Amino acid sequence: MALCRTIATLASQLEFQLEGMQENHRNMIVVMKNMPFYLEQSNLAEWESAYRAAIGDSEDESSASYQAIDLVYELAGLNLFGAFQAAETQSLYKNIVVQLSSMGLQVTENMDVSQW
């Protein structure tokens, strides 16, 4: 459950740093924070459906909040429908930490993403 816990932690860290989040952004964060529970139920496909449902129909994909949250979703979604790619996941995680930092957002950079 390492990756799912990492996603939940990153979402919590973004929640405290992103200013002016819209309701759908808060909903996206809530779904991310609940990823470990979906894994416990062996239902990550439902997690993805819930995440997509949280995105508003008129989402402004250029907003800083959306872009930051979407980076974490990119990490969460990398292994959803295939074999777990540990090396690729670690590389993407490191890249996302750098990208978030360039956006002025600080997240934990040494979490375990080697398995679900």
N, C-alpha and C. Protein backbone atom coordinates (compact mmCIF):
# COMPACT_ATOMS: atom_id res chain seq x y z
N MET A 1 0.82 -1.20 0.00
CA MET A 1 0.00 0.00 0.00
C MET A 1 0.86 1.25 0.00
N ALA A 2 2.13 1.10 -0.28
CA ALA A 2 3.06 2.22 -0.21
C ALA A 2 2.68 3.36 -1.15
N LEU A 3 2.43 3.05 -2.41
CA LEU A 3 2.09 4.11 -3.37
C LEU A 3 0.78 4.78 -2.99
N CYS A 4 -0.21 4.00 -2.62
CA CYS A 4 -1.50 4.60 -2.24
C CYS A 4 -1.37 5.52 -1.04
N ARG A 5 -0.57 5.13 -0.08
CA ARG A 5 -0.34 6.01 1.08
C ARG A 5 0.42 7.27 0.66
N THR A 6 1.35 7.10 -0.26
CA THR A 6 2.08 8.27 -0.77
C THR A 6 1.13 9.23 -1.45
N ILE A 7 0.23 8.71 -2.28
CA ILE A 7 -0.75 9.56 -2.97
C ILE A 7 -1.60 10.30 -1.93
N ALA A 8 -2.07 9.59 -0.92
CA ALA A 8 -2.89 10.21 0.13
C ALA A 8 -2.10 11.30 0.86
N THR A 9 -0.84 11.03 1.14
CA THR A 9 -0.01 12.02 1.83
C THR A 9 0.23 13.25 0.97
N LEU A 10 0.57 13.03 -0.30
CA LEU A 10 0.80 14.15 -1.21
C LEU A 10 -0.46 15.00 -1.34
N ALA A 11 -1.62 14.33 -1.45
CA ALA A 11 -2.88 15.07 -1.55
C ALA A 11 -3.12 15.92 -0.31
N SER A 12 -2.84 15.37 0.86
CA SER A 12 -2.99 16.13 2.11
C SER A 12 -2.05 17.33 2.14
N GLN A 13 -0.84 17.12 1.68
CA GLN A 13 0.13 18.22 1.66
C GLN A 13 -0.31 19.32 0.69
N LEU A 14 -0.84 18.93 -0.46
CA LEU A 14 -1.33 19.93 -1.41
C LEU A 14 -2.53 20.68 -0.83
N GLU A 15 -3.39 19.95 -0.15
CA GLU A 15 -4.60 20.54 0.42
C GLU A 15 -4.27 21.74 1.31
N PHE A 16 -3.20 21.64 2.07
CA PHE A 16 -2.81 22.72 2.98
C PHE A 16 -2.09 23.86 2.28
N GLN A 17 -1.59 23.64 1.08
CA GLN A 17 -0.79 24.66 0.41
C GLN A 17 -1.52 25.37 -0.73
N LEU A 18 -2.47 24.69 -1.36
CA LEU A 18 -3.16 25.30 -2.50
C LEU A 18 -4.18 26.30 -2.00
N GLU A 19 -4.08 27.51 -2.50
CA GLU A 19 -5.00 28.56 -2.09
C GLU A 19 -6.10 28.72 -3.13
N GLY A 20 -7.27 29.03 -2.67
CA GLY A 20 -8.37 29.32 -3.57
C GLY A 20 -8.87 28.11 -4.35
N MET A 21 -8.79 26.94 -3.74
CA MET A 21 -9.28 25.75 -4.44
C MET A 21 -10.79 25.84 -4.62
N GLN A 22 -11.23 25.41 -5.78
CA GLN A 22 -12.66 25.31 -6.04
C GLN A 22 -13.18 24.03 -5.40
N GLU A 23 -14.49 23.91 -5.33
CA GLU A 23 -15.09 22.73 -4.69
C GLU A 23 -14.66 21.44 -5.37
N ASN A 24 -14.59 21.44 -6.70
CA ASN A 24 -14.19 20.20 -7.38
C ASN A 24 -12.74 19.85 -7.07
N HIS A 25 -11.89 20.85 -6.85
CA HIS A 25 -10.50 20.56 -6.47
C HIS A 25 -10.47 19.90 -5.09
N ARG A 26 -11.28 20.41 -4.18
CA ARG A 26 -11.35 19.79 -2.85
C ARG A 26 -11.86 18.35 -2.96
N ASN A 27 -12.83 18.13 -3.85
CA ASN A 27 -13.35 16.78 -4.05
C ASN A 27 -12.29 15.86 -4.65
N MET A 28 -11.50 16.36 -5.58
CA MET A 28 -10.41 15.57 -6.17
C MET A 28 -9.41 15.17 -5.09
N ILE A 29 -9.10 16.11 -4.20
CA ILE A 29 -8.17 15.85 -3.10
C ILE A 29 -8.74 14.77 -2.17
N VAL A 30 -10.02 14.86 -1.86
CA VAL A 30 -10.65 13.87 -0.97
C VAL A 30 -10.53 12.47 -1.57
N VAL A 31 -10.80 12.35 -2.85
CA VAL A 31 -10.70 11.04 -3.50
C VAL A 31 -9.27 10.52 -3.42
N MET A 32 -8.31 11.39 -3.66
CA MET A 32 -6.91 10.96 -3.58
C MET A 32 -6.55 10.52 -2.17
N LYS A 33 -7.03 11.24 -1.18
CA LYS A 33 -6.73 10.87 0.20
C LYS A 33 -7.35 9.52 0.57
N ASN A 34 -8.38 9.13 -0.14
CA ASN A 34 -9.06 7.86 0.12
C ASN A 34 -8.52 6.69 -0.71
N MET A 35 -7.49 6.90 -1.50
CA MET A 35 -6.97 5.84 -2.34
C MET A 35 -6.61 4.57 -1.56
N PRO A 36 -6.01 4.66 -0.37
CA PRO A 36 -5.70 3.42 0.37
C PRO A 36 -6.94 2.57 0.67
N PHE A 37 -8.07 3.21 0.92
CA PHE A 37 -9.29 2.47 1.21
C PHE A 37 -9.79 1.72 -0.02
N TYR A 38 -9.67 2.33 -1.19
CA TYR A 38 -10.04 1.65 -2.43
C TYR A 38 -9.13 0.45 -2.67
N LEU A 39 -7.85 0.59 -2.38
CA LEU A 39 -6.93 -0.54 -2.54
C LEU A 39 -7.28 -1.67 -1.59
N GLU A 40 -7.62 -1.34 -0.35
CA GLU A 40 -8.01 -2.37 0.62
C GLU A 40 -9.19 -3.18 0.12
N GLN A 41 -10.06 -2.54 -0.66
CA GLN A 41 -11.23 -3.22 -1.22
C GLN A 41 -10.94 -3.79 -2.61
N SER A 42 -9.69 -3.75 -3.03
CA SER A 42 -9.28 -4.24 -4.35
C SER A 42 -10.11 -3.61 -5.46
N ASN A 43 -10.30 -2.30 -5.37
CA ASN A 43 -11.16 -1.63 -6.32
C ASN A 43 -10.58 -0.29 -6.78
N LEU A 44 -9.37 -0.33 -7.33
CA LEU A 44 -8.76 0.90 -7.81
C LEU A 44 -9.45 1.44 -9.06
N ALA A 45 -10.14 0.58 -9.81
CA ALA A 45 -10.90 1.07 -10.96
C ALA A 45 -12.02 2.00 -10.48
N GLU A 46 -12.64 1.66 -9.38
CA GLU A 46 -13.67 2.53 -8.80
C GLU A 46 -13.06 3.83 -8.29
N TRP A 47 -11.84 3.74 -7.75
CA TRP A 47 -11.13 4.95 -7.32
C TRP A 47 -10.96 5.90 -8.50
N GLU A 48 -10.52 5.35 -9.64
CA GLU A 48 -10.32 6.20 -10.81
C GLU A 48 -11.64 6.81 -11.25
N SER A 49 -12.71 6.03 -11.23
CA SER A 49 -14.03 6.57 -11.60
C SER A 49 -14.45 7.70 -10.67
N ALA A 50 -14.21 7.51 -9.38
CA ALA A 50 -14.55 8.56 -8.41
C ALA A 50 -13.72 9.82 -8.65
N TYR A 51 -12.44 9.63 -8.97
CA TYR A 51 -11.59 10.79 -9.24
C TYR A 51 -12.09 11.54 -10.46
N ARG A 52 -12.37 10.82 -11.53
CA ARG A 52 -12.85 11.47 -12.76
C ARG A 52 -14.18 12.17 -12.53
N ALA A 53 -15.04 11.58 -11.71
CA ALA A 53 -16.33 12.19 -11.40
C ALA A 53 -16.15 13.48 -10.60
N ALA A 54 -15.08 13.57 -9.83
CA ALA A 54 -14.83 14.77 -9.01
C ALA A 54 -14.39 15.96 -9.85
N ILE A 55 -13.87 15.70 -11.03
CA ILE A 55 -13.43 16.79 -11.91
C ILE A 55 -14.67 17.47 -12.48
N GLY A 56 -14.75 18.75 -12.36
CA GLY A 56 -15.92 19.47 -12.85
C GLY A 56 -16.01 19.48 -14.37
N ASP A 57 -17.25 19.56 -14.87
CA ASP A 57 -17.47 19.58 -16.32
C ASP A 57 -16.81 20.78 -16.98
N SER A 58 -16.75 21.87 -16.26
CA SER A 58 -16.16 23.09 -16.83
C SER A 58 -14.80 23.36 -16.20
N GLU A 59 -14.05 22.30 -15.94
CA GLU A 59 -12.75 22.42 -15.28
C GLU A 59 -11.80 23.30 -16.08
N ASP A 60 -11.17 24.23 -15.39
CA ASP A 60 -10.13 25.07 -15.98
C ASP A 60 -8.80 24.36 -15.78
N GLU A 61 -8.39 23.60 -16.78
CA GLU A 61 -7.18 22.80 -16.67
C GLU A 61 -5.91 23.64 -16.61
N SER A 62 -6.04 24.95 -16.80
CA SER A 62 -4.87 25.82 -16.71
C SER A 62 -4.68 26.38 -15.29
N SER A 63 -5.64 26.11 -14.40
CA SER A 63 -5.50 26.64 -13.03
C SER A 63 -4.37 25.91 -12.32
N ALA A 64 -3.68 26.64 -11.46
CA ALA A 64 -2.55 26.07 -10.72
C ALA A 64 -2.99 24.91 -9.83
N SER A 65 -4.14 25.03 -9.21
CA SER A 65 -4.62 23.95 -8.35
C SER A 65 -4.85 22.68 -9.15
N TYR A 66 -5.54 22.81 -10.27
CA TYR A 66 -5.79 21.63 -11.10
C TYR A 66 -4.48 21.00 -11.55
N GLN A 67 -3.56 21.81 -12.01
CA GLN A 67 -2.30 21.27 -12.52
C GLN A 67 -1.52 20.54 -11.44
N ALA A 68 -1.50 21.06 -10.23
CA ALA A 68 -0.79 20.40 -9.13
C ALA A 68 -1.46 19.07 -8.78
N ILE A 69 -2.76 19.09 -8.67
CA ILE A 69 -3.49 17.87 -8.35
C ILE A 69 -3.33 16.84 -9.46
N ASP A 70 -3.36 17.30 -10.69
CA ASP A 70 -3.23 16.40 -11.83
C ASP A 70 -1.86 15.73 -11.87
N LEU A 71 -0.83 16.41 -11.41
CA LEU A 71 0.50 15.78 -11.34
C LEU A 71 0.46 14.58 -10.40
N VAL A 72 -0.21 14.72 -9.28
CA VAL A 72 -0.31 13.61 -8.34
C VAL A 72 -1.16 12.49 -8.95
N TYR A 73 -2.21 12.87 -9.67
CA TYR A 73 -3.02 11.85 -10.36
C TYR A 73 -2.18 11.08 -11.38
N GLU A 74 -1.30 11.77 -12.06
CA GLU A 74 -0.43 11.11 -13.03
C GLU A 74 0.38 10.00 -12.34
N LEU A 75 0.88 10.28 -11.17
CA LEU A 75 1.62 9.27 -10.41
C LEU A 75 0.68 8.14 -9.98
N ALA A 76 -0.49 8.49 -9.50
CA ALA A 76 -1.45 7.48 -9.04
C ALA A 76 -1.91 6.58 -10.18
N GLY A 77 -2.07 7.15 -11.36
CA GLY A 77 -2.63 6.40 -12.47
C GLY A 77 -1.65 5.59 -13.29
N LEU A 78 -0.37 5.78 -13.06
CA LEU A 78 0.65 5.13 -13.89
C LEU A 78 0.48 3.62 -13.94
N ASN A 79 0.14 3.00 -12.83
CA ASN A 79 0.10 1.54 -12.74
C ASN A 79 -1.30 0.97 -12.59
N LEU A 80 -2.32 1.76 -12.84
CA LEU A 80 -3.68 1.30 -12.56
C LEU A 80 -4.08 0.07 -13.35
N PHE A 81 -3.70 -0.01 -14.60
CA PHE A 81 -4.24 -1.07 -15.45
C PHE A 81 -3.17 -1.92 -16.11
N GLY A 82 -2.10 -2.18 -15.39
CA GLY A 82 -1.03 -3.01 -15.92
C GLY A 82 -0.12 -3.46 -14.80
N ALA A 83 0.95 -4.09 -15.17
CA ALA A 83 1.92 -4.53 -14.18
C ALA A 83 2.56 -3.31 -13.51
N PHE A 84 2.86 -3.44 -12.23
CA PHE A 84 3.46 -2.34 -11.49
C PHE A 84 4.88 -2.11 -12.00
N GLN A 85 5.17 -0.87 -12.33
CA GLN A 85 6.47 -0.48 -12.88
C GLN A 85 7.23 0.32 -11.82
N ALA A 86 7.98 -0.37 -10.98
CA ALA A 86 8.62 0.27 -9.84
C ALA A 86 9.61 1.35 -10.25
N ALA A 87 10.48 1.06 -11.21
CA ALA A 87 11.51 2.04 -11.61
C ALA A 87 10.87 3.27 -12.24
N GLU A 88 9.89 3.06 -13.11
CA GLU A 88 9.21 4.18 -13.76
C GLU A 88 8.44 5.01 -12.75
N THR A 89 7.84 4.34 -11.78
CA THR A 89 7.08 5.03 -10.75
C THR A 89 8.00 5.91 -9.90
N GLN A 90 9.15 5.38 -9.51
CA GLN A 90 10.12 6.14 -8.72
C GLN A 90 10.61 7.36 -9.50
N SER A 91 10.91 7.16 -10.77
CA SER A 91 11.39 8.26 -11.62
C SER A 91 10.32 9.35 -11.75
N LEU A 92 9.09 8.93 -12.00
CA LEU A 92 8.00 9.89 -12.13
C LEU A 92 7.78 10.65 -10.82
N TYR A 93 7.83 9.95 -9.71
CA TYR A 93 7.67 10.57 -8.40
C TYR A 93 8.70 11.67 -8.19
N LYS A 94 9.95 11.36 -8.47
CA LYS A 94 11.01 12.36 -8.31
C LYS A 94 10.76 13.57 -9.21
N ASN A 95 10.32 13.32 -10.44
CA ASN A 95 10.03 14.40 -11.39
C ASN A 95 8.88 15.26 -10.88
N ILE A 96 7.86 14.64 -10.35
CA ILE A 96 6.69 15.37 -9.85
C ILE A 96 7.06 16.23 -8.65
N VAL A 97 7.91 15.72 -7.77
CA VAL A 97 8.37 16.52 -6.62
C VAL A 97 9.05 17.79 -7.12
N VAL A 98 9.89 17.66 -8.15
CA VAL A 98 10.58 18.82 -8.73
C VAL A 98 9.58 19.78 -9.36
N GLN A 99 8.62 19.25 -10.12
CA GLN A 99 7.62 20.11 -10.76
C GLN A 99 6.78 20.86 -9.72
N LEU A 100 6.36 20.16 -8.69
CA LEU A 100 5.58 20.82 -7.64
C LEU A 100 6.42 21.89 -6.95
N SER A 101 7.68 21.61 -6.72
CA SER A 101 8.58 22.59 -6.10
C SER A 101 8.68 23.84 -6.97
N SER A 102 8.74 23.66 -8.27
CA SER A 102 8.82 24.81 -9.18
C SER A 102 7.53 25.63 -9.16
N MET A 103 6.45 25.01 -8.68
CA MET A 103 5.17 25.72 -8.54
C MET A 103 5.05 26.33 -7.14
N GLY A 104 6.11 26.21 -6.33
CA GLY A 104 6.08 26.75 -4.98
C GLY A 104 5.43 25.83 -3.96
N LEU A 105 5.29 24.55 -4.30
CA LEU A 105 4.64 23.58 -3.42
C LEU A 105 5.66 22.57 -2.93
N GLN A 106 5.72 22.40 -1.64
CA GLN A 106 6.69 21.48 -1.05
C GLN A 106 5.98 20.21 -0.59
N VAL A 107 6.46 19.08 -1.09
CA VAL A 107 5.91 17.79 -0.68
C VAL A 107 7.06 16.87 -0.29
N THR A 108 6.72 15.83 0.43
CA THR A 108 7.72 14.86 0.88
C THR A 108 8.34 14.19 -0.33
N GLU A 109 9.66 14.12 -0.33
CA GLU A 109 10.35 13.61 -1.52
C GLU A 109 10.97 12.24 -1.36
N ASN A 110 10.80 11.61 -0.22
CA ASN A 110 11.47 10.32 -0.02
C ASN A 110 10.52 9.22 0.42
N MET A 111 9.30 9.24 -0.07
CA MET A 111 8.33 8.22 0.31
C MET A 111 8.49 6.98 -0.56
N ASP A 112 7.96 5.88 -0.07
CA ASP A 112 8.06 4.60 -0.77
C ASP A 112 6.98 4.51 -1.86
N VAL A 113 7.42 4.35 -3.09
CA VAL A 113 6.49 4.17 -4.20
C VAL A 113 6.83 2.88 -4.96
N SER A 114 7.42 1.92 -4.27
CA SER A 114 7.91 0.70 -4.91
C SER A 114 6.85 -0.36 -5.12
N GLN A 115 5.68 -0.18 -4.52
CA GLN A 115 4.59 -1.14 -4.66
C GLN A 115 3.28 -0.44 -4.33
N TRP A 116 2.17 -1.11 -4.60
CA TRP A 116 0.87 -0.51 -4.29
C TRP A 116 0.79 -0.20 -2.82
